[in-house]
Protein backbone atom coordinates (compact mmCIF):
# COMPACT_ATOMS: atom_id res chain seq x y z
CA MET A 1 35.90 -18.89 -1.51
CA THR A 2 35.77 -20.81 1.49
CA PRO A 3 33.51 -23.60 1.97
CA SER A 4 29.77 -21.56 3.21
CA GLN A 5 30.54 -19.04 0.57
CA PHE A 6 30.56 -21.33 -1.89
CA ILE A 7 27.42 -23.46 -0.39
CA HIS A 8 25.81 -19.49 -0.43
CA HIS A 9 26.39 -19.21 -3.66
CA LYS A 10 25.09 -22.86 -5.02
CA VAL A 11 21.69 -22.54 -2.97
CA GLN A 12 21.42 -18.91 -4.22
CA LEU A 13 21.65 -20.83 -7.93
CA ALA A 14 18.87 -22.83 -6.97
CA LEU A 15 16.77 -20.15 -5.51
CA TRP A 16 16.94 -18.32 -8.71
CA ALA A 17 16.43 -21.87 -10.74
CA CYS A 18 13.05 -21.66 -8.51
CA GLY A 19 12.02 -18.69 -10.19
CA ILE A 20 12.86 -19.93 -13.77
CA GLY A 21 10.32 -22.84 -12.86
CA PHE A 22 7.74 -20.52 -12.02
CA GLY A 23 7.57 -18.73 -14.62
CA VAL A 24 7.71 -21.56 -17.07
CA LEU A 25 5.14 -23.86 -15.04
CA PHE A 26 2.61 -20.80 -14.14
CA PHE A 27 2.66 -19.44 -17.73
CA VAL A 28 2.22 -23.20 -19.29
CA GLY A 29 -0.15 -24.03 -16.84
CA LEU A 30 -2.51 -21.05 -18.06
CA ALA A 31 -2.15 -21.19 -21.16
CA PRO A 32 -1.74 -24.48 -23.37
CA LEU A 33 -2.69 -26.76 -20.98
CA SER A 34 -5.52 -25.65 -19.41
CA GLY A 35 -7.07 -22.79 -22.01
CA PHE A 36 -7.64 -19.97 -19.24
CA ILE A 37 -5.47 -17.61 -21.36
CA PRO A 38 -6.89 -15.37 -23.50
CA PRO A 39 -9.38 -15.08 -20.17
CA PRO A 40 -12.90 -16.13 -20.72
CA SER A 41 -15.21 -12.85 -20.66
CA PRO A 42 -17.55 -11.80 -17.68
CA GLU A 43 -20.17 -11.67 -19.71
CA MET A 44 -20.07 -15.56 -20.48
CA SER A 45 -22.39 -17.94 -18.24
CA GLY A 46 -22.06 -20.95 -16.67
CA SER A 47 -23.56 -23.22 -19.00
CA ASP A 48 -20.73 -21.29 -21.45
CA LEU A 49 -18.01 -21.58 -19.76
CA LEU A 50 -18.82 -25.55 -18.98
CA ALA A 51 -18.78 -25.94 -22.75
CA LYS A 52 -15.91 -24.11 -23.13
CA TYR A 53 -13.54 -26.28 -20.72
CA ALA A 54 -15.59 -29.73 -20.57
CA PRO A 55 -14.36 -31.17 -23.45
CA HIS A 56 -11.37 -31.49 -22.39
CA ILE A 57 -11.77 -31.21 -18.73
CA ASN A 58 -8.85 -33.28 -17.95
CA LEU A 59 -6.17 -31.76 -19.66
CA VAL A 60 -7.63 -28.08 -17.55
CA LYS A 61 -7.07 -30.35 -14.66
CA LEU A 62 -3.78 -31.54 -15.63
CA GLY A 63 -2.73 -27.08 -16.39
CA ILE A 64 -3.96 -26.32 -12.70
CA ILE A 65 -1.84 -29.08 -11.17
CA VAL A 66 1.00 -27.44 -13.44
CA GLY A 67 0.33 -24.24 -12.09
CA LEU A 68 -0.04 -24.56 -8.79
CA LEU A 69 3.29 -26.12 -8.81
CA GLY A 70 4.53 -23.09 -10.34
CA SER A 71 3.27 -21.03 -7.84
CA SER A 72 4.79 -22.75 -4.86
CA LEU A 73 8.06 -22.14 -6.85
CA LEU A 74 7.48 -18.13 -5.82
CA VAL A 75 8.37 -19.20 -1.59
CA PRO A 76 11.93 -20.05 -2.69
CA TRP A 77 11.79 -17.47 -5.55
CA SER A 78 11.36 -14.47 -2.62
CA VAL A 79 13.91 -16.22 -0.55
CA LEU A 80 16.05 -15.04 -2.97
CA VAL A 81 15.08 -11.44 -3.49
CA ALA A 82 15.07 -10.89 0.66
CA ALA A 83 18.81 -12.08 0.52
CA GLN A 84 19.26 -9.68 -2.44
CA ILE A 85 17.77 -6.66 -0.51
CA ALA A 86 19.75 -7.63 2.72
CA ARG A 87 22.82 -6.69 0.72
CA MET A 88 21.50 -3.42 -0.24
CA GLU A 89 20.85 -3.22 3.80
CA GLU A 90 24.46 -3.31 4.49
CA GLY A 91 25.13 -1.15 7.94
CA ARG A 92 21.78 -0.50 8.79
CA ARG A 93 20.56 -0.97 12.34
CA PHE A 94 17.45 -3.95 11.21
CA PRO A 95 17.47 -5.09 7.07
CA ILE A 96 13.13 -3.32 7.53
CA TRP A 97 13.23 -3.78 3.61
CA SER A 98 14.53 -7.72 3.35
CA ILE A 99 11.91 -8.70 5.95
CA PHE A 100 9.51 -6.67 4.29
CA SER A 101 10.18 -8.41 1.12
CA ILE A 102 9.84 -11.57 2.37
CA CYS A 103 6.69 -11.44 4.23
CA SER A 104 4.70 -10.15 0.95
CA GLY A 105 6.48 -12.54 -1.52
CA THR A 106 4.94 -15.35 0.66
CA VAL A 107 1.20 -14.04 0.51
CA ASN A 108 2.48 -13.47 -2.94
CA ALA A 109 2.95 -17.25 -3.70
CA VAL A 110 -0.25 -17.92 -1.69
CA ALA A 111 -2.27 -15.76 -3.89
CA PHE A 112 -1.08 -17.14 -7.03
CA ILE A 113 -1.77 -20.40 -5.96
CA LEU A 114 -5.54 -19.45 -4.66
CA PRO A 115 -6.68 -19.23 -8.33
CA PHE A 116 -5.53 -23.01 -9.29
CA ILE A 117 -7.37 -24.10 -6.60
CA PHE A 118 -10.63 -22.20 -6.79
CA TRP A 119 -10.32 -23.75 -10.83
CA ALA A 120 -10.29 -27.32 -9.17
CA GLY A 121 -13.49 -26.99 -7.48
CA ALA A 122 -15.40 -25.30 -10.43
CA TYR A 123 -14.03 -28.14 -12.98
CA TYR A 124 -13.85 -31.31 -10.47
CA ARG A 125 -17.45 -32.31 -11.35
CA ALA A 126 -18.97 -32.25 -15.12
CA ASP A 127 -22.06 -32.15 -13.84
CA ARG A 128 -21.39 -28.93 -11.57
CA SER A 129 -24.21 -26.48 -11.63
CA PRO A 130 -23.67 -23.54 -13.97
CA GLU A 131 -24.55 -21.27 -11.53
CA LEU A 132 -21.49 -22.53 -9.18
CA VAL A 133 -19.25 -22.67 -11.96
CA GLN A 134 -19.86 -18.51 -13.01
CA LEU A 135 -19.93 -18.20 -9.11
CA ILE A 136 -16.19 -19.91 -8.96
CA SER A 137 -14.82 -18.52 -12.13
CA ASP A 138 -15.89 -14.89 -11.07
CA MET A 139 -14.72 -15.51 -7.97
CA THR A 140 -11.23 -16.87 -9.42
CA TRP A 141 -10.42 -14.19 -11.88
CA LEU A 142 -11.54 -11.15 -9.37
CA GLU A 143 -8.45 -12.58 -6.95
CA PHE A 144 -6.55 -12.99 -10.11
CA LEU A 145 -6.14 -9.51 -10.39
CA LEU A 146 -6.96 -7.75 -7.17
CA PHE A 147 -3.83 -9.17 -5.24
CA PHE A 148 -1.47 -7.00 -7.16
CA PRO A 149 -1.00 -4.62 -4.18
CA THR A 150 0.77 -7.32 -2.08
CA PHE A 151 2.57 -8.12 -5.12
CA SER A 152 3.56 -4.51 -5.48
CA MET A 153 4.65 -4.52 -2.50
CA GLN A 154 7.73 -6.76 -3.08
CA LEU A 155 8.86 -4.74 -5.70
CA ILE A 156 8.37 -1.14 -3.74
CA CYS A 157 10.40 -2.79 -1.62
CA LEU A 158 13.42 -3.83 -3.39
CA GLY A 159 13.03 -0.35 -5.58
CA ILE A 160 13.06 1.49 -2.35
CA ALA A 161 16.40 -0.64 -0.88
CA GLY A 162 18.08 0.03 -3.90
CA LEU A 163 17.82 3.64 -4.25
CA THR A 164 18.29 4.32 -0.68
CA GLN A 165 21.18 2.28 -0.55
CA ARG A 166 23.86 3.95 1.94
CA GLN A 167 26.71 1.97 2.07
CA GLY A 168 28.16 -1.51 -0.09
CA VAL A 169 28.36 -2.64 -3.75
CA GLN A 170 25.69 -1.69 -5.89
CA VAL A 171 23.88 -4.63 -6.16
CA PHE A 172 21.44 -3.49 -9.14
CA PRO A 173 21.92 -1.26 -11.70
CA ARG A 174 19.44 1.70 -10.69
CA TRP A 175 17.74 1.64 -13.53
CA PHE A 176 16.51 -1.41 -12.64
CA TYR A 177 15.04 -0.21 -8.98
CA TYR A 178 12.83 2.57 -11.35
CA LEU A 179 11.55 -0.38 -13.34
CA ASN A 180 10.49 -2.34 -10.46
CA LEU A 181 8.29 0.84 -8.81
CA TRP A 182 7.43 1.46 -12.03
CA MET A 183 6.20 -2.22 -12.55
CA ALA A 184 4.51 -2.39 -9.42
CA VAL A 185 2.46 0.95 -10.46
CA VAL A 186 0.98 -1.20 -13.91
CA GLY A 187 0.83 -4.15 -12.55
CA SER A 188 -1.87 -2.76 -10.14
CA THR A 189 -4.37 -1.56 -13.08
CA GLY A 190 -6.13 -5.00 -12.80
CA ILE A 191 -7.77 -3.79 -9.77
CA LEU A 192 -10.27 -2.11 -11.42
CA CYS A 193 -12.07 -4.77 -13.22
CA ILE A 194 -14.44 -5.28 -10.70
CA PHE A 195 -16.73 -2.46 -12.14
CA PHE A 196 -16.34 -3.62 -15.59
CA PHE A 197 -18.34 -6.86 -16.97
CA SER A 198 -16.76 -5.85 -20.63
CA GLY A 199 -14.39 -3.21 -22.36
CA PRO A 200 -10.29 -2.05 -21.72
CA PHE A 201 -10.82 -1.89 -17.72
CA ALA A 202 -12.52 -5.91 -17.14
CA TRP A 203 -10.79 -8.69 -16.55
CA ASN A 204 -9.89 -9.79 -20.25
CA GLY A 205 -9.49 -5.76 -20.99
CA ALA A 206 -6.36 -4.45 -22.62
CA ILE A 207 -6.16 -2.25 -19.42
CA GLY A 208 -7.35 -4.91 -17.07
CA PHE A 209 -5.57 -8.02 -18.03
CA TYR A 210 -3.19 -7.31 -20.72
CA LEU A 211 -1.28 -4.39 -19.62
CA PRO A 212 -0.39 -5.50 -16.26
CA VAL A 213 0.25 -9.33 -17.15
CA GLY A 214 1.64 -8.15 -20.80
CA SER A 215 4.11 -5.92 -18.64
CA PHE A 216 4.67 -8.57 -16.06
CA VAL A 217 6.57 -11.92 -18.99
CA PRO A 218 9.29 -9.02 -20.16
CA PHE A 219 9.33 -7.32 -16.98
CA LEU A 220 10.46 -11.50 -15.34
CA LEU A 221 12.97 -12.15 -18.21
CA ILE A 222 14.80 -9.10 -17.23
CA THR A 223 14.64 -9.98 -13.76
CA TRP A 224 15.54 -13.72 -14.45
CA TRP A 225 19.03 -11.77 -15.99
CA GLN A 226 19.40 -9.01 -12.76
CA PHE A 227 19.32 -11.82 -10.30
CA PHE A 228 21.82 -14.09 -12.48
CA ARG A 229 24.73 -10.90 -12.41
CA ALA A 230 23.76 -10.05 -9.02
CA ILE A 231 24.92 -13.88 -7.65
CA LYS A 232 27.59 -13.63 -9.71
CA ALA A 233 28.72 -10.62 -8.90
CA GLU A 234 28.78 -11.64 -5.56
CA LYS A 235 30.83 -15.06 -5.88
CA ARG A 236 33.21 -12.52 -7.35
CA HIS A 237 33.27 -9.94 -4.54
CA TYR A 238 33.59 -12.86 -1.98
CA GLU A 239 36.58 -14.72 -4.08
CA GLU A 240 38.23 -11.28 -4.52
CA LEU A 241 37.99 -11.13 -0.66
CA SER A 242 38.83 -14.00 0.21
CA ALA A 243 42.35 -13.76 -2.09
CA SER A 244 43.06 -10.23 0.06
CA GLU A 245 41.78 -11.68 2.87
CA PRO A 246 43.41 -15.52 3.80
CA ASN A 247 41.32 -15.56 6.84
CA VAL A 248 38.02 -14.13 6.26
CA LEU A 249 34.96 -15.34 8.39
CA MET A 250 33.53 -18.30 7.33
CA SER A 251 30.12 -17.06 7.47
CA THR A 252 28.15 -15.19 4.86
């Protein structure tokens, strides 16, 4: 491999590691530290919420910081997604899907970060008014599940770019593109939570929360593995190209 190709490969592996860091820190911050999973019921009052989280408020704040740091890693991960989508657009006049992907990925990062900032405001003061705590909690959980349209956009970009690829090496298996489109639909079921305070469609319900979030976890594991394989395959492709063409251009 040429020096620039070698560095490009290492950078992509670093971006891929950021994706793993996002998943680990995000869910560690949400569940074992802050205790926000399972979600509180929408019917809980502000006093109930304070009684639930105030006894271990410092652990809640630590979970907020960890989740916030993890969510920020979606930015470098989105760069990797866009880079791999750009490979699918080889030969096209303009890389529309890769640019679309990185824009939606940046918005996703902000959307993942915001809930932790809202929670920080809700539990910053132990003597916060219960009504304000309930208001901020409502804002946080609604935002947490209503932002899925932009999340789905990134998945749709990858799916369509792969299914419409015209030339070049196949980046991912075809079923993975359909899986992204499927997740784009399933992940959006949480938007119905705005109409319900209890039951399966509420933000703590089977369809409102556990279906999209529960589907996201195995999907994330599959995605990590597929991107790792794609990075390694791209490396082998450059090695074979360099071996067959010693004077290959230095740029990637």
